[in-house]
Amino acid sequence: MGGGVGKRVPYTKPDKLYYGRGLVQLTWFENYELMGRLLELDLLNHPELALVMDVSVRIMFEGMLKAVSSFGDFTGRSLEQYFTSTHEDWTNARKIINGLDRAPLIAGYGQQIFSAVA
């Protein structure tokens, strides 16, 4: 749900701010609208719901997986593209949320966490 480069969508609507919230820092009016529709939540009128842990987890899963929409909703990419039974691509999986910004560092964190819980 990365930066606003090239976006023309406002951060605000009267009395509402659509800044980064939750585990993946959901931003922008259009992303609150999309996630609200997919998850059947009124995120446009209640953007603070993205801070509620179970809602934040649902947003993260919907955006990163081929979930309700069968599409990686954050960037058009999904975990299923980078992790299969025969392939792991920790670095490029960063594209699911924010391009390759700090990808090697984040890939290392992901591998450490995965090793700890696997």
PDB file of N, CA and C in Angstrom:
ATOM      1  N   MET A   1       0.852  -1.150   0.000  1.00  0.00           N
ATOM      2  CA  MET A   1       0.000   0.000   0.000  1.00  0.00           C
ATOM      3  C   MET A   1       0.903   1.217   0.000  1.00  0.00           C
ATOM      4  N   GLY A   2       1.954   1.068  -0.646  1.00  0.00           N
ATOM      5  CA  GLY A   2       3.070   1.981  -0.611  1.00  0.00           C
ATOM      6  C   GLY A   2       2.740   3.409  -0.944  1.00  0.00           C
ATOM      7  N   GLY A   3       3.805   4.176  -1.056  1.00  0.00           N
ATOM      8  CA  GLY A   3       3.746   5.603  -1.233  1.00  0.00           C
ATOM      9  C   GLY A   3       2.775   6.073  -2.295  1.00  0.00           C
ATOM     10  N   GLY A   4       2.551   7.364  -2.316  1.00  0.00           N
ATOM     11  CA  GLY A   4       1.562   7.922  -3.195  1.00  0.00           C
ATOM     12  C   GLY A   4       2.103   8.424  -4.511  1.00  0.00           C
ATOM     13  N   VAL A   5       3.254   7.954  -4.949  1.00  0.00           N
ATOM     14  CA  VAL A   5       3.843   8.422  -6.184  1.00  0.00           C
ATOM     15  C   VAL A   5       2.861   8.212  -7.333  1.00  0.00           C
ATOM     16  N   GLY A   6       2.517   9.300  -8.006  1.00  0.00           N
ATOM     17  CA  GLY A   6       1.633   9.219  -9.158  1.00  0.00           C
ATOM     18  C   GLY A   6       0.158   9.068  -8.832  1.00  0.00           C
ATOM     19  N   LYS A   7      -0.191   8.985  -7.560  1.00  0.00           N
ATOM     20  CA  LYS A   7      -1.603   8.817  -7.199  1.00  0.00           C
ATOM     21  C   LYS A   7      -2.293  10.174  -7.168  1.00  0.00           C
ATOM     22  N   ARG A   8      -3.550  10.182  -7.581  1.00  0.00           N
ATOM     23  CA  ARG A   8      -4.352  11.402  -7.554  1.00  0.00           C
ATOM     24  C   ARG A   8      -5.477  11.287  -6.546  1.00  0.00           C
ATOM     25  N   VAL A   9      -5.462  10.231  -5.770  1.00  0.00           N
ATOM     26  CA  VAL A   9      -6.535   9.974  -4.808  1.00  0.00           C
ATOM     27  C   VAL A   9      -6.217  10.708  -3.507  1.00  0.00           C
ATOM     28  N   PRO A  10      -7.157  11.462  -2.978  1.00  0.00           N
ATOM     29  CA  PRO A  10      -6.881  12.216  -1.757  1.00  0.00           C
ATOM     30  C   PRO A  10      -6.772  11.319  -0.529  1.00  0.00           C
ATOM     31  N   TYR A  11      -5.984  11.788   0.432  1.00  0.00           N
ATOM     32  CA  TYR A  11      -5.889  11.104   1.717  1.00  0.00           C
ATOM     33  C   TYR A  11      -7.134  11.346   2.555  1.00  0.00           C
ATOM     34  N   THR A  12      -7.882  12.380   2.238  1.00  0.00           N
ATOM     35  CA  THR A  12      -8.978  12.775   3.119  1.00  0.00           C
ATOM     36  C   THR A  12     -10.323  12.811   2.400  1.00  0.00           C
ATOM     37  N   LYS A  13     -11.315  12.742   3.202  1.00  0.00           N
ATOM     38  CA  LYS A  13     -12.707  12.942   2.826  1.00  0.00           C
ATOM     39  C   LYS A  13     -13.217  13.788   3.993  1.00  0.00           C
ATOM     40  N   PRO A  14     -14.250  14.559   3.835  1.00  0.00           N
ATOM     41  CA  PRO A  14     -14.671  15.372   4.984  1.00  0.00           C
ATOM     42  C   PRO A  14     -14.728  14.562   6.282  1.00  0.00           C
ATOM     43  N   ASP A  15     -14.001  15.022   7.263  1.00  0.00           N
ATOM     44  CA  ASP A  15     -13.958  14.430   8.609  1.00  0.00           C
ATOM     45  C   ASP A  15     -13.274  13.067   8.672  1.00  0.00           C
ATOM     46  N   LYS A  16     -12.634  12.599   7.606  1.00  0.00           N
ATOM     47  CA  LYS A  16     -11.976  11.297   7.629  1.00  0.00           C
ATOM     48  C   LYS A  16     -10.558  11.427   7.077  1.00  0.00           C
ATOM     49  N   LEU A  17      -9.636  10.718   7.691  1.00  0.00           N
ATOM     50  CA  LEU A  17      -8.261  10.661   7.212  1.00  0.00           C
ATOM     51  C   LEU A  17      -7.934   9.224   6.857  1.00  0.00           C
ATOM     52  N   TYR A  18      -7.330   9.015   5.704  1.00  0.00           N
ATOM     53  CA  TYR A  18      -7.006   7.670   5.233  1.00  0.00           C
ATOM     54  C   TYR A  18      -5.495   7.470   5.216  1.00  0.00           C
ATOM     55  N   TYR A  19      -4.875   7.765   6.338  1.00  0.00           N
ATOM     56  CA  TYR A  19      -3.429   7.565   6.479  1.00  0.00           C
ATOM     57  C   TYR A  19      -3.153   6.124   6.901  1.00  0.00           C
ATOM     58  N   GLY A  20      -1.866   5.760   6.958  1.00  0.00           N
ATOM     59  CA  GLY A  20      -1.471   4.386   7.250  1.00  0.00           C
ATOM     60  C   GLY A  20      -1.947   3.892   8.605  1.00  0.00           C
ATOM     61  N   ARG A  21      -2.682   2.790   8.576  1.00  0.00           N
ATOM     62  CA  ARG A  21      -3.176   2.160   9.798  1.00  0.00           C
ATOM     63  C   ARG A  21      -3.014   0.653   9.688  1.00  0.00           C
ATOM     64  N   GLY A  22      -2.856   0.010  10.831  1.00  0.00           N
ATOM     65  CA  GLY A  22      -2.841  -1.445  10.893  1.00  0.00           C
ATOM     66  C   GLY A  22      -1.488  -2.061  10.600  1.00  0.00           C
ATOM     67  N   LEU A  23      -1.473  -3.373  10.519  1.00  0.00           N
ATOM     68  CA  LEU A  23      -0.235  -4.131  10.367  1.00  0.00           C
ATOM     69  C   LEU A  23       0.515  -3.819   9.079  1.00  0.00           C
ATOM     70  N   VAL A  24      -0.190  -3.481   8.015  1.00  0.00           N
ATOM     71  CA  VAL A  24       0.469  -3.187   6.743  1.00  0.00           C
ATOM     72  C   VAL A  24       0.360  -1.711   6.370  1.00  0.00           C
ATOM     73  N   GLN A  25      -0.092  -0.882   7.300  1.00  0.00           N
ATOM     74  CA  GLN A  25      -0.222   0.551   7.068  1.00  0.00           C
ATOM     75  C   GLN A  25      -1.094   0.850   5.845  1.00  0.00           C
ATOM     76  N   LEU A  26      -2.334   0.401   5.908  1.00  0.00           N
ATOM     77  CA  LEU A  26      -3.313   0.666   4.856  1.00  0.00           C
ATOM     78  C   LEU A  26      -3.418   2.176   4.664  1.00  0.00           C
ATOM     79  N   THR A  27      -3.255   2.650   3.429  1.00  0.00           N
ATOM     80  CA  THR A  27      -3.331   4.076   3.122  1.00  0.00           C
ATOM     81  C   THR A  27      -4.224   4.312   1.912  1.00  0.00           C
ATOM     82  N   TRP A  28      -4.602   5.573   1.701  1.00  0.00           N
ATOM     83  CA  TRP A  28      -5.344   6.055   0.546  1.00  0.00           C
ATOM     84  C   TRP A  28      -6.829   5.655   0.565  1.00  0.00           C
ATOM     85  N   PHE A  29      -7.620   6.602   0.200  1.00  0.00           N
ATOM     86  CA  PHE A  29      -9.074   6.430   0.113  1.00  0.00           C
ATOM     87  C   PHE A  29      -9.441   5.182  -0.678  1.00  0.00           C
ATOM     88  N   GLU A  30      -8.834   5.009  -1.873  1.00  0.00           N
ATOM     89  CA  GLU A  30      -9.207   3.883  -2.738  1.00  0.00           C
ATOM     90  C   GLU A  30      -8.898   2.540  -2.088  1.00  0.00           C
ATOM     91  N   ASN A  31      -7.862   2.452  -1.273  1.00  0.00           N
ATOM     92  CA  ASN A  31      -7.527   1.194  -0.617  1.00  0.00           C
ATOM     93  C   ASN A  31      -8.459   0.899   0.555  1.00  0.00           C
ATOM     94  N   TYR A  32      -8.848   1.926   1.285  1.00  0.00           N
ATOM     95  CA  TYR A  32      -9.849   1.740   2.347  1.00  0.00           C
ATOM     96  C   TYR A  32     -11.177   1.298   1.723  1.00  0.00           C
ATOM     97  N   GLU A  33     -11.519   1.914   0.591  1.00  0.00           N
ATOM     98  CA  GLU A  33     -12.756   1.556  -0.102  1.00  0.00           C
ATOM     99  C   GLU A  33     -12.712   0.095  -0.574  1.00  0.00           C
ATOM    100  N   LEU A  34     -11.635  -0.309  -1.216  1.00  0.00           N
ATOM    101  CA  LEU A  34     -11.500  -1.674  -1.726  1.00  0.00           C
ATOM    102  C   LEU A  34     -11.538  -2.702  -0.594  1.00  0.00           C
ATOM    103  N   MET A  35     -10.736  -2.495   0.431  1.00  0.00           N
ATOM    104  CA  MET A  35     -10.706  -3.464   1.533  1.00  0.00           C
ATOM    105  C   MET A  35     -12.041  -3.510   2.268  1.00  0.00           C
ATOM    106  N   GLY A  36     -12.678  -2.363   2.416  1.00  0.00           N
ATOM    107  CA  GLY A  36     -13.992  -2.341   3.047  1.00  0.00           C
ATOM    108  C   GLY A  36     -15.005  -3.160   2.270  1.00  0.00           C
ATOM    109  N   ARG A  37     -14.988  -2.999   0.940  1.00  0.00           N
ATOM    110  CA  ARG A  37     -15.920  -3.755   0.096  1.00  0.00           C
ATOM    111  C   ARG A  37     -15.620  -5.249   0.166  1.00  0.00           C
ATOM    112  N   LEU A  38     -14.347  -5.638   0.040  1.00  0.00           N
ATOM    113  CA  LEU A  38     -13.990  -7.062   0.037  1.00  0.00           C
ATOM    114  C   LEU A  38     -14.275  -7.738   1.376  1.00  0.00           C
ATOM    115  N   LEU A  39     -14.063  -6.990   2.453  1.00  0.00           N
ATOM    116  CA  LEU A  39     -14.239  -7.570   3.789  1.00  0.00           C
ATOM    117  C   LEU A  39     -15.601  -7.252   4.392  1.00  0.00           C
ATOM    118  N   GLU A  40     -16.435  -6.557   3.622  1.00  0.00           N
ATOM    119  CA  GLU A  40     -17.774  -6.168   4.069  1.00  0.00           C
ATOM    120  C   GLU A  40     -17.726  -5.385   5.377  1.00  0.00           C
ATOM    121  N   LEU A  41     -16.855  -4.372   5.376  1.00  0.00           N
ATOM    122  CA  LEU A  41     -16.704  -3.466   6.514  1.00  0.00           C
ATOM    123  C   LEU A  41     -16.834  -2.034   6.015  1.00  0.00           C
ATOM    124  N   ASP A  42     -17.319  -1.155   6.851  1.00  0.00           N
ATOM    125  CA  ASP A  42     -17.466   0.249   6.473  1.00  0.00           C
ATOM    126  C   ASP A  42     -16.198   1.023   6.833  1.00  0.00           C
ATOM    127  N   LEU A  43     -15.110   0.713   6.118  1.00  0.00           N
ATOM    128  CA  LEU A  43     -13.831   1.366   6.401  1.00  0.00           C
ATOM    129  C   LEU A  43     -13.808   2.823   5.948  1.00  0.00           C
ATOM    130  N   LEU A  44     -14.630   3.187   4.993  1.00  0.00           N
ATOM    131  CA  LEU A  44     -14.653   4.584   4.557  1.00  0.00           C
ATOM    132  C   LEU A  44     -15.201   5.498   5.636  1.00  0.00           C
ATOM    133  N   ASN A  45     -16.242   5.082   6.311  1.00  0.00           N
ATOM    134  CA  ASN A  45     -16.808   5.905   7.375  1.00  0.00           C
ATOM    135  C   ASN A  45     -16.165   5.641   8.727  1.00  0.00           C
ATOM    136  N   HIS A  46     -15.470   4.516   8.836  1.00  0.00           N
ATOM    137  CA  HIS A  46     -14.815   4.149  10.090  1.00  0.00           C
ATOM    138  C   HIS A  46     -13.406   3.627   9.823  1.00  0.00           C
ATOM    139  N   PRO A  47     -12.521   4.490   9.305  1.00  0.00           N
ATOM    140  CA  PRO A  47     -11.165   4.035   8.982  1.00  0.00           C
ATOM    141  C   PRO A  47     -10.400   3.520  10.195  1.00  0.00           C
ATOM    142  N   GLU A  48     -10.803   3.932  11.378  1.00  0.00           N
ATOM    143  CA  GLU A  48     -10.143   3.473  12.609  1.00  0.00           C
ATOM    144  C   GLU A  48     -10.298   1.965  12.811  1.00  0.00           C
ATOM    145  N   LEU A  49     -11.256   1.341  12.124  1.00  0.00           N
ATOM    146  CA  LEU A  49     -11.418  -0.122  12.221  1.00  0.00           C
ATOM    147  C   LEU A  49     -10.161  -0.855  11.761  1.00  0.00           C
ATOM    148  N   ALA A  50      -9.377  -0.222  10.888  1.00  0.00           N
ATOM    149  CA  ALA A  50      -8.142  -0.854  10.408  1.00  0.00           C
ATOM    150  C   ALA A  50      -7.127  -1.042  11.537  1.00  0.00           C
ATOM    151  N   LEU A  51      -7.350  -0.394  12.676  1.00  0.00           N
ATOM    152  CA  LEU A  51      -6.472  -0.542  13.838  1.00  0.00           C
ATOM    153  C   LEU A  51      -6.880  -1.698  14.752  1.00  0.00           C
ATOM    154  N   VAL A  52      -8.073  -2.228  14.566  1.00  0.00           N
ATOM    155  CA  VAL A  52      -8.552  -3.354  15.367  1.00  0.00           C
ATOM    156  C   VAL A  52      -7.819  -4.605  14.882  1.00  0.00           C
ATOM    157  N   MET A  53      -7.209  -5.354  15.798  1.00  0.00           N
ATOM    158  CA  MET A  53      -6.305  -6.428  15.407  1.00  0.00           C
ATOM    159  C   MET A  53      -6.917  -7.429  14.432  1.00  0.00           C
ATOM    160  N   ASP A  54      -8.112  -7.940  14.694  1.00  0.00           N
ATOM    161  CA  ASP A  54      -8.667  -8.937  13.771  1.00  0.00           C
ATOM    162  C   ASP A  54      -8.963  -8.331  12.402  1.00  0.00           C
ATOM    163  N   VAL A  55      -9.358  -7.070  12.350  1.00  0.00           N
ATOM    164  CA  VAL A  55      -9.598  -6.397  11.077  1.00  0.00           C
ATOM    165  C   VAL A  55      -8.269  -6.177  10.357  1.00  0.00           C
ATOM    166  N   SER A  56      -7.268  -5.751  11.093  1.00  0.00           N
ATOM    167  CA  SER A  56      -5.952  -5.527  10.512  1.00  0.00           C
ATOM    168  C   SER A  56      -5.371  -6.811   9.914  1.00  0.00           C
ATOM    169  N   VAL A  57      -5.563  -7.929  10.603  1.00  0.00           N
ATOM    170  CA  VAL A  57      -5.096  -9.226  10.097  1.00  0.00           C
ATOM    171  C   VAL A  57      -5.870  -9.604   8.834  1.00  0.00           C
ATOM    172  N   ARG A  58      -7.179  -9.385   8.830  1.00  0.00           N
ATOM    173  CA  ARG A  58      -7.982  -9.694   7.640  1.00  0.00           C
ATOM    174  C   ARG A  58      -7.554  -8.839   6.448  1.00  0.00           C
ATOM    175  N   ILE A  59      -7.270  -7.566   6.684  1.00  0.00           N
ATOM    176  CA  ILE A  59      -6.784  -6.676   5.622  1.00  0.00           C
ATOM    177  C   ILE A  59      -5.457  -7.199   5.079  1.00  0.00           C
ATOM    178  N   MET A  60      -4.549  -7.569   5.974  1.00  0.00           N
ATOM    179  CA  MET A  60      -3.246  -8.078   5.562  1.00  0.00           C
ATOM    180  C   MET A  60      -3.397  -9.340   4.713  1.00  0.00           C
ATOM    181  N   PHE A  61      -4.207 -10.280   5.171  1.00  0.00           N
ATOM    182  CA  PHE A  61      -4.394 -11.529   4.431  1.00  0.00           C
ATOM    183  C   PHE A  61      -5.043 -11.273   3.074  1.00  0.00           C
ATOM    184  N   GLU A  62      -6.074 -10.443   3.038  1.00  0.00           N
ATOM    185  CA  GLU A  62      -6.749 -10.150   1.772  1.00  0.00           C
ATOM    186  C   GLU A  62      -5.785  -9.487   0.794  1.00  0.00           C
ATOM    187  N   GLY A  63      -5.003  -8.578   1.273  1.00  0.00           N
ATOM    188  CA  GLY A  63      -4.082  -7.857   0.394  1.00  0.00           C
ATOM    189  C   GLY A  63      -2.911  -8.672  -0.085  1.00  0.00           C
ATOM    190  N   MET A  64      -2.482  -9.651   0.713  1.00  0.00           N
ATOM    191  CA  MET A  64      -1.275 -10.412   0.381  1.00  0.00           C
ATOM    192  C   MET A  64      -1.544 -11.757  -0.272  1.00  0.00           C
ATOM    193  N   LEU A  65      -2.765 -12.244  -0.196  1.00  0.00           N
ATOM    194  CA  LEU A  65      -3.107 -13.574  -0.725  1.00  0.00           C
ATOM    195  C   LEU A  65      -4.159 -13.469  -1.818  1.00  0.00           C
ATOM    196  N   LYS A  66      -4.346 -14.536  -2.544  1.00  0.00           N
ATOM    197  CA  LYS A  66      -5.466 -14.617  -3.483  1.00  0.00           C
ATOM    198  C   LYS A  66      -6.685 -15.039  -2.675  1.00  0.00           C
ATOM    199  N   ALA A  67      -7.206 -14.145  -1.905  1.00  0.00           N
ATOM    200  CA  ALA A  67      -8.279 -14.443  -0.960  1.00  0.00           C
ATOM    201  C   ALA A  67      -9.639 -14.214  -1.607  1.00  0.00           C
ATOM    202  N   VAL A  68     -10.454 -13.362  -1.039  1.00  0.00           N
ATOM    203  CA  VAL A  68     -11.820 -13.128  -1.519  1.00  0.00           C
ATOM    204  C   VAL A  68     -11.826 -12.741  -3.003  1.00  0.00           C
ATOM    205  N   SER A  69     -10.921 -11.873  -3.404  1.00  0.00           N
ATOM    206  CA  SER A  69     -10.924 -11.381  -4.781  1.00  0.00           C
ATOM    207  C   SER A  69     -10.131 -12.262  -5.742  1.00  0.00           C
ATOM    208  N   SER A  70      -9.446 -13.280  -5.234  1.00  0.00           N
ATOM    209  CA  SER A  70      -8.569 -14.122  -6.051  1.00  0.00           C
ATOM    210  C   SER A  70      -7.465 -13.314  -6.720  1.00  0.00           C
ATOM    211  N   PHE A  71      -7.005 -12.279  -6.028  1.00  0.00           N
ATOM    212  CA  PHE A  71      -6.038 -11.342  -6.583  1.00  0.00           C
ATOM    213  C   PHE A  71      -5.263 -10.735  -5.426  1.00  0.00           C
ATOM    214  N   GLY A  72      -3.978 -10.520  -5.544  1.00  0.00           N
ATOM    215  CA  GLY A  72      -3.220  -9.824  -4.502  1.00  0.00           C
ATOM    216  C   GLY A  72      -3.601  -8.354  -4.516  1.00  0.00           C
ATOM    217  N   ASP A  73      -4.451  -7.939  -3.612  1.00  0.00           N
ATOM    218  CA  ASP A  73      -5.097  -6.633  -3.716  1.00  0.00           C
ATOM    219  C   ASP A  73      -4.224  -5.427  -3.416  1.00  0.00           C
ATOM    220  N   PHE A  74      -3.077  -5.602  -2.791  1.00  0.00           N
ATOM    221  CA  PHE A  74      -2.236  -4.439  -2.532  1.00  0.00           C
ATOM    222  C   PHE A  74      -1.527  -3.975  -3.800  1.00  0.00           C
ATOM    223  N   THR A  75      -0.914  -4.890  -4.529  1.00  0.00           N
ATOM    224  CA  THR A  75      -0.106  -4.515  -5.688  1.00  0.00           C
ATOM    225  C   THR A  75      -0.371  -5.377  -6.920  1.00  0.00           C
ATOM    226  N   GLY A  76      -1.306  -6.306  -6.827  1.00  0.00           N
ATOM    227  CA  GLY A  76      -1.535  -7.229  -7.927  1.00  0.00           C
ATOM    228  C   GLY A  76      -0.663  -8.465  -7.834  1.00  0.00           C
ATOM    229  N   ARG A  77       0.152  -8.529  -6.803  1.00  0.00           N
ATOM    230  CA  ARG A  77       1.013  -9.686  -6.573  1.00  0.00           C
ATOM    231  C   ARG A  77       0.577 -10.352  -5.279  1.00  0.00           C
ATOM    232  N   SER A  78       0.837 -11.666  -5.169  1.00  0.00           N
ATOM    233  CA  SER A  78       0.409 -12.383  -3.971  1.00  0.00           C
ATOM    234  C   SER A  78       1.480 -13.370  -3.527  1.00  0.00           C
ATOM    235  N   LEU A  79       1.379 -13.790  -2.280  1.00  0.00           N
ATOM    236  CA  LEU A  79       2.338 -14.757  -1.734  1.00  0.00           C
ATOM    237  C   LEU A  79       2.427 -16.013  -2.577  1.00  0.00           C
ATOM    238  N   GLU A  80       1.311 -16.421  -3.155  1.00  0.00           N
ATOM    239  CA  GLU A  80       1.299 -17.643  -3.955  1.00  0.00           C
ATOM    240  C   GLU A  80       2.242 -17.565  -5.150  1.00  0.00           C
ATOM    241  N   GLN A  81       2.601 -16.356  -5.584  1.00  0.00           N
ATOM    242  CA  GLN A  81       3.533 -16.192  -6.691  1.00  0.00           C
ATOM    243  C   GLN A  81       4.983 -16.423  -6.262  1.00  0.00           C
ATOM    244  N   TYR A  82       5.261 -16.263  -4.997  1.00  0.00           N
ATOM    245  CA  TYR A  82       6.640 -16.300  -4.514  1.00  0.00           C
ATOM    246  C   TYR A  82       6.966 -17.511  -3.653  1.00  0.00           C
ATOM    247  N   PHE A  83       5.944 -18.199  -3.191  1.00  0.00           N
ATOM    248  CA  PHE A  83       6.153 -19.365  -2.330  1.00  0.00           C
ATOM    249  C   PHE A  83       5.293 -20.518  -2.811  1.00  0.00           C
ATOM    250  N   THR A  84       5.944 -21.591  -3.220  1.00  0.00           N
ATOM    251  CA  THR A  84       5.251 -22.803  -3.636  1.00  0.00           C
ATOM    252  C   THR A  84       5.914 -23.978  -2.921  1.00  0.00           C
ATOM    253  N   SER A  85       5.484 -25.159  -3.219  1.00  0.00           N
ATOM    254  CA  SER A  85       6.095 -26.339  -2.591  1.00  0.00           C
ATOM    255  C   SER A  85       7.524 -26.555  -3.058  1.00  0.00           C
ATOM    256  N   THR A  86       7.919 -25.907  -4.148  1.00  0.00           N
ATOM    257  CA  THR A  86       9.271 -26.098  -4.677  1.00  0.00           C
ATOM    258  C   THR A  86      10.092 -24.819  -4.783  1.00  0.00           C
ATOM    259  N   HIS A  87       9.516 -23.680  -4.418  1.00  0.00           N
ATOM    260  CA  HIS A  87      10.212 -22.400  -4.640  1.00  0.00           C
ATOM    261  C   HIS A  87       9.911 -21.410  -3.512  1.00  0.00           C
ATOM    262  N   GLU A  88      10.959 -20.714  -3.055  1.00  0.00           N
ATOM    263  CA  GLU A  88      10.817 -19.622  -2.083  1.00  0.00           C
ATOM    264  C   GLU A  88      11.587 -18.420  -2.600  1.00  0.00           C
ATOM    265  N   ASP A  89      10.946 -17.288  -2.689  1.00  0.00           N
ATOM    266  CA  ASP A  89      11.611 -16.060  -3.124  1.00  0.00           C
ATOM    267  C   ASP A  89      11.314 -14.965  -2.109  1.00  0.00           C
ATOM    268  N   TRP A  90      12.070 -14.987  -1.033  1.00  0.00           N
ATOM    269  CA  TRP A  90      11.851 -14.069   0.085  1.00  0.00           C
ATOM    270  C   TRP A  90      12.051 -12.607  -0.324  1.00  0.00           C
ATOM    271  N   THR A  91      13.021 -12.337  -1.157  1.00  0.00           N
ATOM    272  CA  THR A  91      13.326 -10.949  -1.522  1.00  0.00           C
ATOM    273  C   THR A  91      12.248 -10.349  -2.419  1.00  0.00           C
ATOM    274  N   ASN A  92      11.888 -11.014  -3.488  1.00  0.00           N
ATOM    275  CA  ASN A  92      10.886 -10.462  -4.404  1.00  0.00           C
ATOM    276  C   ASN A  92       9.475 -10.484  -3.829  1.00  0.00           C
ATOM    277  N   ALA A  93       9.246 -11.273  -2.802  1.00  0.00           N
ATOM    278  CA  ALA A  93       7.935 -11.276  -2.154  1.00  0.00           C
ATOM    279  C   ALA A  93       7.610  -9.901  -1.571  1.00  0.00           C
ATOM    280  N   ARG A  94       8.609  -9.091  -1.352  1.00  0.00           N
ATOM    281  CA  ARG A  94       8.403  -7.718  -0.864  1.00  0.00           C
ATOM    282  C   ARG A  94       7.509  -6.930  -1.817  1.00  0.00           C
ATOM    283  N   LYS A  95       7.503  -7.286  -3.086  1.00  0.00           N
ATOM    284  CA  LYS A  95       6.688  -6.587  -4.084  1.00  0.00           C
ATOM    285  C   LYS A  95       5.195  -6.670  -3.776  1.00  0.00           C
ATOM    286  N   ILE A  96       4.802  -7.583  -2.916  1.00  0.00           N
ATOM    287  CA  ILE A  96       3.393  -7.742  -2.564  1.00  0.00           C
ATOM    288  C   ILE A  96       2.854  -6.486  -1.888  1.00  0.00           C
ATOM    289  N   ILE A  97       3.713  -5.786  -1.144  1.00  0.00           N
ATOM    290  CA  ILE A  97       3.252  -4.603  -0.423  1.00  0.00           C
ATOM    291  C   ILE A  97       3.911  -3.320  -0.920  1.00  0.00           C
ATOM    292  N   ASN A  98       5.213  -3.290  -1.037  1.00  0.00           N
ATOM    293  CA  ASN A  98       5.901  -2.022  -1.303  1.00  0.00           C
ATOM    294  C   ASN A  98       7.075  -2.128  -2.253  1.00  0.00           C
ATOM    295  N   GLY A  99       6.930  -2.765  -3.349  1.00  0.00           N
ATOM    296  CA  GLY A  99       8.056  -2.871  -4.273  1.00  0.00           C
ATOM    297  C   GLY A  99       9.243  -3.531  -3.601  1.00  0.00           C
ATOM    298  N   LEU A 100      10.428  -3.138  -3.964  1.00  0.00           N
ATOM    299  CA  LEU A 100      11.624  -3.760  -3.396  1.00  0.00           C
ATOM    300  C   LEU A 100      12.280  -2.893  -2.326  1.00  0.00           C
ATOM    301  N   ASP A 101      11.537  -1.920  -1.811  1.00  0.00           N
ATOM    302  CA  ASP A 101      12.042  -1.058  -0.745  1.00  0.00           C
ATOM    303  C   ASP A 101      12.546  -1.907   0.426  1.00  0.00           C
ATOM    304  N   ARG A 102      13.840  -1.864   0.692  1.00  0.00           N
ATOM    305  CA  ARG A 102      14.492  -2.574   1.801  1.00  0.00           C
ATOM    306  C   ARG A 102      14.252  -4.091   1.760  1.00  0.00           C
ATOM    307  N   ALA A 103      14.070  -4.620   0.554  1.00  0.00           N
ATOM    308  CA  ALA A 103      13.708  -6.031   0.385  1.00  0.00           C
ATOM    309  C   ALA A 103      14.690  -7.015   1.023  1.00  0.00           C
ATOM    310  N   PRO A 104      16.002  -6.874   0.847  1.00  0.00           N
ATOM    311  CA  PRO A 104      16.911  -7.852   1.472  1.00  0.00           C
ATOM    312  C   PRO A 104      16.791  -7.869   3.001  1.00  0.00           C
ATOM    313  N   LEU A 105      16.672  -6.697   3.607  1.00  0.00           N
ATOM    314  CA  LEU A 105      16.524  -6.611   5.059  1.00  0.00           C
ATOM    315  C   LEU A 105      15.234  -7.302   5.513  1.00  0.00           C
ATOM    316  N   ILE A 106      14.135  -6.978   4.851  1.00  0.00           N
ATOM    317  CA  ILE A 106      12.839  -7.545   5.216  1.00  0.00           C
ATOM    318  C   ILE A 106      12.796  -9.044   4.924  1.00  0.00           C
ATOM    319  N   ALA A 107      13.439  -9.468   3.834  1.00  0.00           N
ATOM    320  CA  ALA A 107      13.525 -10.903   3.528  1.00  0.00           C
ATOM    321  C   ALA A 107      14.233 -11.637   4.665  1.00  0.00           C
ATOM    322  N   GLY A 108      15.294 -11.033   5.184  1.00  0.00           N
ATOM    323  CA  GLY A 108      16.014 -11.639   6.306  1.00  0.00           C
ATOM    324  C   GLY A 108      15.136 -11.770   7.538  1.00  0.00           C
ATOM    325  N   TYR A 109      14.357 -10.734   7.831  1.00  0.00           N
ATOM    326  CA  TYR A 109      13.432 -10.807   8.965  1.00  0.00           C
ATOM    327  C   TYR A 109      12.423 -11.932   8.758  1.00  0.00           C
ATOM    328  N   GLY A 110      11.865 -12.004   7.547  1.00  0.00           N
ATOM    329  CA  GLY A 110      10.884 -13.043   7.252  1.00  0.00           C
ATOM    330  C   GLY A 110      11.455 -14.441   7.426  1.00  0.00           C
ATOM    331  N   GLN A 111      12.663 -14.640   6.940  1.00  0.00           N
ATOM    332  CA  GLN A 111      13.293 -15.967   7.065  1.00  0.00           C
ATOM    333  C   GLN A 111      13.560 -16.310   8.530  1.00  0.00           C
ATOM    334  N   GLN A 112      13.984 -15.345   9.327  1.00  0.00           N
ATOM    335  CA  GLN A 112      14.224 -15.582  10.752  1.00  0.00           C
ATOM    336  C   GLN A 112      12.932 -15.951  11.464  1.00  0.00           C
ATOM    337  N   ILE A 113      11.877 -15.224  11.184  1.00  0.00           N
ATOM    338  CA  ILE A 113      10.589 -15.515  11.825  1.00  0.00           C
ATOM    339  C   ILE A 113      10.097 -16.889  11.392  1.00  0.00           C
ATOM    340  N   PHE A 114      10.184 -17.170  10.098  1.00  0.00           N
ATOM    341  CA  PHE A 114       9.733 -18.457   9.595  1.00  0.00           C
ATOM    342  C   PHE A 114      10.521 -19.596  10.252  1.00  0.00           C
ATOM    343  N   SER A 115      11.829 -19.444  10.371  1.00  0.00           N
ATOM    344  CA  SER A 115      12.657 -20.472  11.009  1.00  0.00           C
ATOM    345  C   SER A 115      12.266 -20.691  12.466  1.00  0.00           C
ATOM    346  N   ALA A 116      11.880 -19.615  13.117  1.00  0.00           N
ATOM    347  CA  ALA A 116      11.514 -19.717  14.539  1.00  0.00           C
ATOM    348  C   ALA A 116      10.182 -20.436  14.748  1.00  0.00           C
ATOM    349  N   VAL A 117       9.273 -20.324  13.788  1.00  0.00           N
ATOM    350  CA  VAL A 117       7.950 -20.927  13.973  1.00  0.00           C
ATOM    351  C   VAL A 117       7.742 -22.219  13.207  1.00  0.00           C
ATOM    352  N   ALA A 118       8.634 -22.507  12.273  1.00  0.00           N
ATOM    353  CA  ALA A 118       8.474 -23.720  11.450  1.00  0.00           C
ATOM    354  C   ALA A 118       8.830 -24.980  12.215  1.00  0.00           C
TER     355      ALA A 118
END
